[in-house]
Amino acid sequence: MPATLGLMGLRGSGKSTIGPTVAIRLGLPFKDLDPLTLAWGGAKTVREVVDSRGWPAFREMEHAALERVLSGETSVLALGGGTPTHAPSRRLMATWQGTGALRLIYLRAQPETLVPRISPSDNRPSLTGADPLKEFGRVFDERDPVYREIADAVVECDGLSIDEQVEAAVLASKA
């Protein structure tokens, strides 16, 4: 039985963009943790949850959704950018990796690549309150070591087209 393929990376790294095509290529369903977290948590937007209950409440909702997805059918799963930063979610993923039922691919891109990909109408709350490039730089510096530590493979996305990212992710899923 193939492992669930978790795509992780910062906002704008391509998880939700390439995920459906990677899933088709691997013959698996595609799931996106952000909308599943909101749907199963009874919320419309991440901003709504964060503004009303804070980031810890959102991370707990996300953890519950992650547990539900991993317990279900094998899939290609776009993780939330912060999912690996939440210790309980990181432990859950490590458990699944340890059984061979989860393979994590880090879609790594520099802040300069990510900022132009983010729409001003994204409706996601700022993570730091800083201007976008500074925010991405700070978040990249914080999360890059975490992603690298838990990744089974890293796809360097700077300069790659969407098709090239898909191909690299498919290859990394089989390595």
Protein backbone atom coordinates (compact mmCIF):
# COMPACT_ATOMS: atom_id res chain seq x y z
CA MET A 1 0.00 0.00 0.00
CA PRO A 2 1.46 3.40 -0.93
CA ALA A 3 2.10 6.01 1.74
CA THR A 4 0.16 9.24 2.02
CA LEU A 5 2.32 11.93 0.46
CA GLY A 6 2.36 15.10 2.57
CA LEU A 7 3.37 18.28 0.79
CA MET A 8 4.71 20.91 3.16
CA GLY A 9 6.20 24.36 2.80
CA LEU A 10 5.48 28.00 3.36
CA ARG A 11 2.39 29.77 2.08
CA GLY A 12 2.75 30.08 -1.69
CA SER A 13 5.20 27.19 -2.07
CA GLY A 14 2.81 25.32 -4.37
CA LYS A 15 1.26 22.70 -2.09
CA SER A 16 -2.33 23.35 -3.18
CA THR A 17 -1.33 24.24 -6.73
CA ILE A 18 0.69 21.15 -7.64
CA GLY A 19 -1.01 18.75 -5.22
CA PRO A 20 -3.96 17.83 -7.46
CA THR A 21 -1.69 17.08 -10.43
CA VAL A 22 0.74 15.09 -8.28
CA ALA A 23 -2.25 13.11 -6.98
CA ILE A 24 -3.44 12.33 -10.51
CA ARG A 25 0.06 11.22 -11.51
CA LEU A 26 0.26 8.93 -8.46
CA GLY A 27 -3.31 7.64 -8.83
CA LEU A 28 -4.34 8.97 -5.42
CA PRO A 29 -7.03 11.37 -4.21
CA PHE A 30 -5.95 14.91 -3.30
CA LYS A 31 -6.78 16.51 0.04
CA ASP A 32 -6.01 20.02 1.25
CA LEU A 33 -5.73 20.34 5.03
CA ASP A 34 -6.66 24.04 5.23
CA PRO A 35 -10.19 23.75 3.79
CA LEU A 36 -10.77 20.44 5.58
CA THR A 37 -9.76 22.04 8.90
CA LEU A 38 -12.20 24.88 8.33
CA ALA A 39 -15.05 22.65 7.15
CA TRP A 40 -14.69 20.13 9.95
CA GLY A 41 -14.14 22.92 12.49
CA GLY A 42 -17.22 24.85 11.38
CA ALA A 43 -15.36 27.99 10.26
CA LYS A 44 -15.28 29.92 6.99
CA THR A 45 -11.73 31.33 7.03
CA VAL A 46 -8.47 30.95 8.90
CA ARG A 47 -8.71 34.67 9.71
CA GLU A 48 -12.11 34.10 11.35
CA VAL A 49 -10.69 31.44 13.66
CA VAL A 50 -7.50 33.34 14.46
CA ASP A 51 -9.32 36.63 15.10
CA SER A 52 -11.94 35.05 17.34
CA ARG A 53 -10.01 32.27 19.09
CA GLY A 54 -6.30 32.73 18.30
CA TRP A 55 -3.63 30.66 16.58
CA PRO A 56 -3.54 27.93 19.25
CA ALA A 57 -7.23 27.17 18.65
CA PHE A 58 -6.64 26.99 14.90
CA ARG A 59 -3.65 24.65 15.39
CA GLU A 60 -5.80 22.35 17.56
CA MET A 61 -8.53 22.30 14.86
CA GLU A 62 -5.84 21.59 12.27
CA HIS A 63 -4.39 18.77 14.39
CA ALA A 64 -7.82 17.11 14.65
CA ALA A 65 -8.24 17.38 10.86
CA LEU A 66 -4.75 15.98 10.27
CA GLU A 67 -5.49 13.00 12.51
CA ARG A 68 -8.72 12.38 10.62
CA VAL A 69 -7.07 12.59 7.19
CA LEU A 70 -4.15 10.34 8.14
CA SER A 71 -6.55 7.77 9.57
CA GLY A 72 -8.47 7.68 6.28
CA GLU A 73 -7.56 6.68 2.76
CA THR A 74 -4.06 7.11 1.35
CA SER A 75 -3.83 10.44 -0.48
CA VAL A 76 -1.70 13.36 -1.53
CA LEU A 77 -2.16 15.89 1.26
CA ALA A 78 -1.34 19.59 1.14
CA LEU A 79 -0.44 20.46 4.73
CA GLY A 80 -1.01 23.88 6.20
CA GLY A 81 2.19 25.93 6.25
CA GLY A 82 2.27 25.88 10.04
CA THR A 83 1.17 22.29 10.57
CA PRO A 84 4.75 21.03 11.16
CA THR A 85 5.38 23.82 13.70
CA HIS A 86 2.69 22.47 16.06
CA ALA A 87 4.40 19.91 18.31
CA PRO A 88 1.40 17.52 18.60
CA SER A 89 0.96 17.53 14.79
CA ARG A 90 4.69 17.00 14.28
CA ARG A 91 4.60 14.01 16.66
CA LEU A 92 1.55 12.61 14.87
CA MET A 93 3.29 12.91 11.49
CA ALA A 94 6.45 11.30 12.90
CA THR A 95 4.39 8.35 14.13
CA TRP A 96 2.88 7.86 10.67
CA GLN A 97 6.28 8.29 9.01
CA GLY A 98 7.69 5.66 11.35
CA THR A 99 5.16 3.12 10.12
CA GLY A 100 5.88 3.98 6.48
CA ALA A 101 2.33 5.30 6.01
CA LEU A 102 3.41 8.94 5.47
CA ARG A 103 6.12 10.47 3.29
CA LEU A 104 6.79 14.21 3.68
CA ILE A 105 8.04 16.33 0.79
CA TYR A 106 9.23 19.86 1.57
CA LEU A 107 8.51 22.30 -1.27
CA ARG A 108 11.28 24.77 -0.43
CA ALA A 109 11.27 28.26 -1.90
CA GLN A 110 12.97 31.48 -0.86
CA PRO A 111 10.88 34.43 0.36
CA GLU A 112 11.66 36.37 -2.82
CA THR A 113 9.96 33.59 -4.81
CA LEU A 114 6.97 33.30 -2.47
CA VAL A 115 5.89 36.93 -2.00
CA PRO A 116 4.82 37.50 -5.64
CA ARG A 117 2.72 34.30 -5.50
CA ILE A 118 0.53 35.54 -2.66
CA SER A 119 -2.63 37.37 -3.60
CA PRO A 120 -3.54 40.51 -1.63
CA SER A 121 -7.04 39.02 -1.35
CA ASP A 122 -5.61 35.88 0.29
CA ASN A 123 -7.62 36.64 3.45
CA ARG A 124 -5.07 34.95 5.66
CA PRO A 125 -3.89 36.70 8.78
CA SER A 126 -0.37 37.96 9.03
CA LEU A 127 1.85 35.64 11.01
CA THR A 128 4.13 38.38 12.31
CA GLY A 129 2.44 41.71 11.51
CA ALA A 130 5.40 42.68 9.29
CA ASP A 131 5.43 43.68 5.63
CA PRO A 132 5.12 40.58 3.36
CA LEU A 133 8.79 40.18 2.38
CA LYS A 134 10.01 40.70 5.95
CA GLU A 135 7.30 38.35 7.22
CA PHE A 136 8.23 35.63 4.74
CA GLY A 137 11.91 36.08 5.61
CA ARG A 138 11.25 35.71 9.33
CA VAL A 139 8.84 32.79 8.90
CA PHE A 140 11.25 31.08 6.46
CA ASP A 141 14.09 31.41 8.98
CA GLU A 142 11.90 29.89 11.72
CA ARG A 143 10.30 27.08 9.72
CA ASP A 144 13.00 25.99 7.27
CA PRO A 145 14.96 24.00 9.90
CA VAL A 146 11.74 22.32 11.12
CA TYR A 147 10.66 21.36 7.61
CA ARG A 148 14.14 20.08 6.73
CA GLU A 149 14.35 18.02 9.92
CA ILE A 150 11.14 16.10 9.25
CA ALA A 151 11.19 15.96 5.43
CA ASP A 152 11.78 12.69 3.65
CA ALA A 153 12.74 14.72 0.58
CA VAL A 154 13.24 18.38 -0.32
CA VAL A 155 12.21 19.89 -3.67
CA GLU A 156 14.02 23.18 -4.33
CA CYS A 157 11.29 25.19 -6.08
CA ASP A 158 13.06 28.46 -6.89
CA GLY A 159 13.15 28.86 -10.65
CA LEU A 160 10.97 25.81 -11.35
CA SER A 161 7.79 25.99 -13.40
CA ILE A 162 4.65 24.37 -12.01
CA ASP A 163 5.19 21.38 -14.33
CA GLU A 164 8.78 21.04 -13.12
CA GLN A 165 7.62 21.19 -9.48
CA VAL A 166 5.07 18.45 -10.18
CA GLU A 167 7.72 16.26 -11.81
CA ALA A 168 10.17 16.82 -8.95
CA ALA A 169 7.50 16.00 -6.33
CA VAL A 170 6.47 12.83 -8.17
CA LEU A 171 10.10 11.72 -8.37
CA ALA A 172 10.67 12.57 -4.69
CA SER A 173 7.59 10.54 -3.73
CA LYS A 174 9.19 7.43 -5.20
CA ALA A 175 12.73 7.93 -3.89
